[in-house]
C-alpha atoms as a PDB file:
ATOM      1  CA  UNK A   1      -3.302  13.214 -10.726  1.00  0.00           C
ATOM      2  CA  UNK A   2      -1.343  14.036  -7.611  1.00  0.00           C
ATOM      3  CA  UNK A   3      -2.922  15.248  -4.500  1.00  0.00           C
ATOM      4  CA  UNK A   4      -0.357  17.013  -2.337  1.00  0.00           C
ATOM      5  CA  UNK A   5      -0.565  15.545   1.145  1.00  0.00           C
ATOM      6  CA  UNK A   6       1.912  17.230   3.428  1.00  0.00           C
ATOM      7  CA  UNK A   7       1.884  18.796   6.793  1.00  0.00           C
ATOM      8  CA  UNK A   8       4.685  20.784   8.383  1.00  0.00           C
ATOM      9  CA  UNK A   9       8.104  19.646   6.884  1.00  0.00           C
ATOM     10  CA  UNK A  10       7.217  15.982   6.980  1.00  0.00           C
ATOM     11  CA  UNK A  11       7.681  13.631   4.064  1.00  0.00           C
ATOM     12  CA  UNK A  12       5.154  13.612   1.230  1.00  0.00           C
ATOM     13  CA  UNK A  13       2.618  10.759   1.859  1.00  0.00           C
ATOM     14  CA  UNK A  14       2.015  10.188  -1.861  1.00  0.00           C
ATOM     15  CA  UNK A  15       4.463   8.065  -3.905  1.00  0.00           C
ATOM     16  CA  UNK A  16       4.377   8.038  -7.729  1.00  0.00           C
ATOM     17  CA  UNK A  17       5.762   5.303  -9.987  1.00  0.00           C
ATOM     18  CA  UNK A  18       5.937   4.673 -13.689  1.00  0.00           C
ATOM     19  CA  UNK A  19       3.172   2.672 -15.442  1.00  0.00           C
ATOM     20  CA  UNK A  20       5.769  -0.184 -15.861  1.00  0.00           C
ATOM     21  CA  UNK A  21       6.542  -0.220 -12.104  1.00  0.00           C
ATOM     22  CA  UNK A  22       2.825  -0.343 -11.328  1.00  0.00           C
ATOM     23  CA  UNK A  23       2.273  -3.128 -13.809  1.00  0.00           C
ATOM     24  CA  UNK A  24       5.154  -5.174 -12.475  1.00  0.00           C
ATOM     25  CA  UNK A  25       4.103  -4.574  -8.832  1.00  0.00           C
ATOM     26  CA  UNK A  26       0.497  -5.587  -9.631  1.00  0.00           C
ATOM     27  CA  UNK A  27       1.297  -8.742 -11.541  1.00  0.00           C
ATOM     28  CA  UNK A  28       0.602 -10.879  -8.543  1.00  0.00           C
ATOM     29  CA  UNK A  29      -2.682  -9.208  -7.735  1.00  0.00           C
ATOM     30  CA  UNK A  30      -4.659 -10.378 -10.792  1.00  0.00           C
ATOM     31  CA  UNK A  31      -6.761 -12.586  -8.627  1.00  0.00           C
ATOM     32  CA  UNK A  32      -8.261  -9.576  -6.786  1.00  0.00           C
ATOM     33  CA  UNK A  33     -10.115  -8.052  -9.803  1.00  0.00           C
ATOM     34  CA  UNK A  34      -8.041  -5.101 -11.062  1.00  0.00           C
ATOM     35  CA  UNK A  35      -9.502  -5.219 -14.616  1.00  0.00           C
ATOM     36  CA  UNK A  36     -10.470  -1.724 -15.848  1.00  0.00           C
ATOM     37  CA  UNK A  37      -8.619   0.090 -13.056  1.00  0.00           C
ATOM     38  CA  UNK A  38      -5.616   2.366 -13.599  1.00  0.00           C
ATOM     39  CA  UNK A  39      -3.068   2.938 -10.856  1.00  0.00           C
ATOM     40  CA  UNK A  40      -2.672   6.577  -9.903  1.00  0.00           C
ATOM     41  CA  UNK A  41      -0.197   6.686  -6.964  1.00  0.00           C
ATOM     42  CA  UNK A  42       0.807   4.736  -3.869  1.00  0.00           C
ATOM     43  CA  UNK A  43       1.032   5.269  -0.110  1.00  0.00           C
ATOM     44  CA  UNK A  44       4.403   5.184   1.674  1.00  0.00           C
ATOM     45  CA  UNK A  45       3.602   1.600   2.506  1.00  0.00           C
ATOM     46  CA  UNK A  46       2.883   0.623  -1.121  1.00  0.00           C
ATOM     47  CA  UNK A  47      -0.954   0.669  -1.013  1.00  0.00           C
ATOM     48  CA  UNK A  48      -2.109   1.503  -4.415  1.00  0.00           C
ATOM     49  CA  UNK A  49      -4.841   3.977  -5.329  1.00  0.00           C
ATOM     50  CA  UNK A  50      -6.619   3.351  -8.677  1.00  0.00           C
ATOM     51  CA  UNK A  51      -9.188   4.870 -10.984  1.00  0.00           C
ATOM     52  CA  UNK A  52     -11.968   2.870 -12.507  1.00  0.00           C
ATOM     53  CA  UNK A  53     -14.965   3.858 -14.582  1.00  0.00           C
ATOM     54  CA  UNK A  54     -17.093   3.470 -11.490  1.00  0.00           C
ATOM     55  CA  UNK A  55     -14.958   5.462  -8.994  1.00  0.00           C
ATOM     56  CA  UNK A  56     -11.700   5.461  -7.098  1.00  0.00           C
ATOM     57  CA  UNK A  57     -10.302   2.316  -5.571  1.00  0.00           C
ATOM     58  CA  UNK A  58      -7.800   1.491  -2.823  1.00  0.00           C
ATOM     59  CA  UNK A  59      -5.685  -1.686  -2.893  1.00  0.00           C
ATOM     60  CA  UNK A  60      -4.779  -2.364   0.679  1.00  0.00           C
ATOM     61  CA  UNK A  61      -1.657  -4.392   0.235  1.00  0.00           C
ATOM     62  CA  UNK A  62      -1.430  -4.988   4.022  1.00  0.00           C
ATOM     63  CA  UNK A  63      -4.869  -6.550   4.436  1.00  0.00           C
ATOM     64  CA  UNK A  64      -5.074  -7.924   0.896  1.00  0.00           C
ATOM     65  CA  UNK A  65      -8.332  -6.031   0.080  1.00  0.00           C
ATOM     66  CA  UNK A  66      -9.575  -4.000  -2.892  1.00  0.00           C
ATOM     67  CA  UNK A  67     -12.139  -1.412  -1.811  1.00  0.00           C
ATOM     68  CA  UNK A  68     -13.923   1.457  -3.498  1.00  0.00           C
ATOM     69  CA  UNK A  69     -14.185   4.162  -0.856  1.00  0.00           C
ATOM     70  CA  UNK A  70     -14.766   7.115  -3.217  1.00  0.00           C
ATOM     71  CA  UNK A  71     -16.968   7.981  -6.170  1.00  0.00           C
ATOM     72  CA  UNK A  72     -15.032  11.060  -7.187  1.00  0.00           C
ATOM     73  CA  UNK A  73     -11.443  12.297  -7.286  1.00  0.00           C
ATOM     74  CA  UNK A  74     -12.472  15.281  -5.086  1.00  0.00           C
ATOM     75  CA  UNK A  75     -13.828  12.870  -2.409  1.00  0.00           C
ATOM     76  CA  UNK A  76     -10.630  10.856  -2.447  1.00  0.00           C
ATOM     77  CA  UNK A  77      -8.433  13.924  -2.319  1.00  0.00           C
ATOM     78  CA  UNK A  78     -10.382  15.459   0.538  1.00  0.00           C
ATOM     79  CA  UNK A  79     -10.158  12.305   2.617  1.00  0.00           C
ATOM     80  CA  UNK A  80      -6.420  11.860   1.979  1.00  0.00           C
ATOM     81  CA  UNK A  81      -5.807  15.507   3.112  1.00  0.00           C
ATOM     82  CA  UNK A  82      -7.599  14.870   6.429  1.00  0.00           C
ATOM     83  CA  UNK A  83      -5.718  13.521   9.355  1.00  0.00           C
ATOM     84  CA  UNK A  84      -8.076  10.546   9.666  1.00  0.00           C
ATOM     85  CA  UNK A  85      -7.697   9.679   6.008  1.00  0.00           C
ATOM     86  CA  UNK A  86      -3.924   9.980   6.242  1.00  0.00           C
ATOM     87  CA  UNK A  87      -3.843   7.556   9.171  1.00  0.00           C
ATOM     88  CA  UNK A  88      -6.235   5.046   7.590  1.00  0.00           C
ATOM     89  CA  UNK A  89      -5.167   5.030   3.987  1.00  0.00           C
ATOM     90  CA  UNK A  90      -1.592   6.325   4.040  1.00  0.00           C
ATOM     91  CA  UNK A  91      -0.411   5.163   7.533  1.00  0.00           C
ATOM     92  CA  UNK A  92       0.901   8.649   7.898  1.00  0.00           C
ATOM     93  CA  UNK A  93       1.624   8.394  11.617  1.00  0.00           C
ATOM     94  CA  UNK A  94       3.785   5.351  11.204  1.00  0.00           C
ATOM     95  CA  UNK A  95       5.520   6.773   8.176  1.00  0.00           C
ATOM     96  CA  UNK A  96       6.378   9.997   9.970  1.00  0.00           C
ATOM     97  CA  UNK A  97       7.590   8.015  12.952  1.00  0.00           C
ATOM     98  CA  UNK A  98       9.871   5.984  10.731  1.00  0.00           C
ATOM     99  CA  UNK A  99      11.099   9.139   9.149  1.00  0.00           C
ATOM    100  CA  UNK A 100      11.954  10.574  12.544  1.00  0.00           C
ATOM    101  CA  UNK A 101      14.041   7.421  13.235  1.00  0.00           C
ATOM    102  CA  UNK A 102      15.968   7.934  10.055  1.00  0.00           C
ATOM    103  CA  UNK A 103      14.205   5.171   8.101  1.00  0.00           C
ATOM    104  CA  UNK A 104      13.216   6.949   4.840  1.00  0.00           C
ATOM    105  CA  UNK A 105      12.295   5.385   1.487  1.00  0.00           C
ATOM    106  CA  UNK A 106      14.027   7.082  -1.463  1.00  0.00           C
ATOM    107  CA  UNK A 107      13.312   7.019  -5.137  1.00  0.00           C
ATOM    108  CA  UNK A 108      11.514   3.729  -6.009  1.00  0.00           C
ATOM    109  CA  UNK A 109      11.301   2.517  -2.407  1.00  0.00           C
ATOM    110  CA  UNK A 110       8.358   2.185   0.042  1.00  0.00           C
ATOM    111  CA  UNK A 111       7.997   1.025   3.665  1.00  0.00           C
ATOM    112  CA  UNK A 112       7.179  -2.602   4.202  1.00  0.00           C
ATOM    113  CA  UNK A 113       6.923  -4.839   7.253  1.00  0.00           C
ATOM    114  CA  UNK A 114       9.864  -7.115   7.886  1.00  0.00           C
ATOM    115  CA  UNK A 115       7.340  -9.761   8.946  1.00  0.00           C
ATOM    116  CA  UNK A 116       4.109  -9.011   7.136  1.00  0.00           C
ATOM    117  CA  UNK A 117       1.024  -8.608   9.369  1.00  0.00           C
ATOM    118  CA  UNK A 118      -0.700 -11.360   7.366  1.00  0.00           C
ATOM    119  CA  UNK A 119       1.956 -13.705   8.687  1.00  0.00           C
ATOM    120  CA  UNK A 120       1.671 -12.409  12.290  1.00  0.00           C
ATOM    121  CA  UNK A 121       4.023  -9.461  12.131  1.00  0.00           C
ATOM    122  CA  UNK A 122       3.455  -6.363  14.251  1.00  0.00           C
ATOM    123  CA  UNK A 123       2.457  -3.056  12.618  1.00  0.00           C
ATOM    124  CA  UNK A 124       4.864  -1.265  14.890  1.00  0.00           C
ATOM    125  CA  UNK A 125       7.884   0.864  14.028  1.00  0.00           C
ATOM    126  CA  UNK A 126      10.311  -1.970  14.978  1.00  0.00           C
ATOM    127  CA  UNK A 127       8.879  -4.061  12.147  1.00  0.00           C
ATOM    128  CA  UNK A 128       9.267  -1.440   9.407  1.00  0.00           C
ATOM    129  CA  UNK A 129      11.930  -1.546   6.763  1.00  0.00           C
ATOM    130  CA  UNK A 130      12.474   0.140   3.313  1.00  0.00           C
ATOM    131  CA  UNK A 131      12.012  -2.067   0.198  1.00  0.00           C
ATOM    132  CA  UNK A 132      11.700  -1.536  -3.580  1.00  0.00           C
ATOM    133  CA  UNK A 133       8.085  -0.762  -4.457  1.00  0.00           C
ATOM    134  CA  UNK A 134       7.756  -3.403  -7.248  1.00  0.00           C
ATOM    135  CA  UNK A 135       9.171  -6.061  -4.923  1.00  0.00           C
ATOM    136  CA  UNK A 136       7.022  -5.049  -1.928  1.00  0.00           C
ATOM    137  CA  UNK A 137       3.776  -4.930  -3.937  1.00  0.00           C
ATOM    138  CA  UNK A 138       4.472  -8.118  -5.827  1.00  0.00           C
ATOM    139  CA  UNK A 139       5.441 -10.139  -2.734  1.00  0.00           C
ATOM    140  CA  UNK A 140       2.332  -8.805  -0.923  1.00  0.00           C
ATOM    141  CA  UNK A 141       0.101 -10.072  -3.738  1.00  0.00           C
ATOM    142  CA  UNK A 142       1.731 -13.523  -3.745  1.00  0.00           C
ATOM    143  CA  UNK A 143       1.401 -13.774   0.080  1.00  0.00           C
ATOM    144  CA  UNK A 144      -2.271 -12.749   0.057  1.00  0.00           C
ATOM    145  CA  UNK A 145      -3.140 -15.096  -2.743  1.00  0.00           C
ATOM    146  CA  UNK A 146      -1.557 -18.026  -0.930  1.00  0.00           C
ATOM    147  CA  UNK A 147      -3.355 -17.401   2.388  1.00  0.00           C
ATOM    148  CA  UNK A 148      -6.661 -15.969   1.197  1.00  0.00           C
ATOM    149  CA  UNK A 149      -8.604 -19.191   1.468  1.00  0.00           C
ATOM    150  CA  UNK A 150      -7.159 -20.375   4.756  1.00  0.00           C
ATOM    151  CA  UNK A 151      -9.400 -20.320   7.837  1.00  0.00           C
ATOM    152  CA  UNK A 152      -8.640 -17.400  10.077  1.00  0.00           C
ATOM    153  CA  UNK A 153      -6.029 -18.197  12.722  1.00  0.00           C
ATOM    154  CA  UNK A 154      -4.369 -20.909  10.550  1.00  0.00           C
ATOM    155  CA  UNK A 155      -0.640 -21.093  11.319  1.00  0.00           C
ATOM    156  CA  UNK A 156       1.515 -20.522   8.205  1.00  0.00           C
ATOM    157  CA  UNK A 157       4.792 -22.353   8.297  1.00  0.00           C
ATOM    158  CA  UNK A 158       5.833 -21.874   4.644  1.00  0.00           C
ATOM    159  CA  UNK A 159       5.287 -19.474   1.731  1.00  0.00           C
ATOM    160  CA  UNK A 160       6.659 -19.506  -1.734  1.00  0.00           C
ATOM    161  CA  UNK A 161       7.730 -16.300  -3.481  1.00  0.00           C
ATOM    162  CA  UNK A 162       8.268 -16.363  -7.251  1.00  0.00           C
END
């Protein structure tokens, strides 16, 4: 299921990957409750959209949250076609700004933050890089699992990536 999301001649905001790539990228997210959900596609920043028996889910890899914003595929597609949905769920404005600067993911790549926001990094263009999707998704899951039980505002001085 691929919802075309494109305005003008800008990059496509929907990224597709193989089932194996999704499986590898999601290995470190088991703690968040992905049972019974099938990955459909990803955003340019590696957020993953999934289908479950009860609706359509969004794995926000930046915030470390799994949400069910839509009951039907039509609702999801309509929102992802809207400018507001593209900004919220796909970070379209930031992706297009990076593209204009010549920073463009190809093939199996997505955008990622050099210093992840969960570790205090800025969500600005100067902090955007291109990374392999599997690596980006897996590292994000590991980071979020390690910091999820820390009190808000805790300074993180060390993380371990497997």
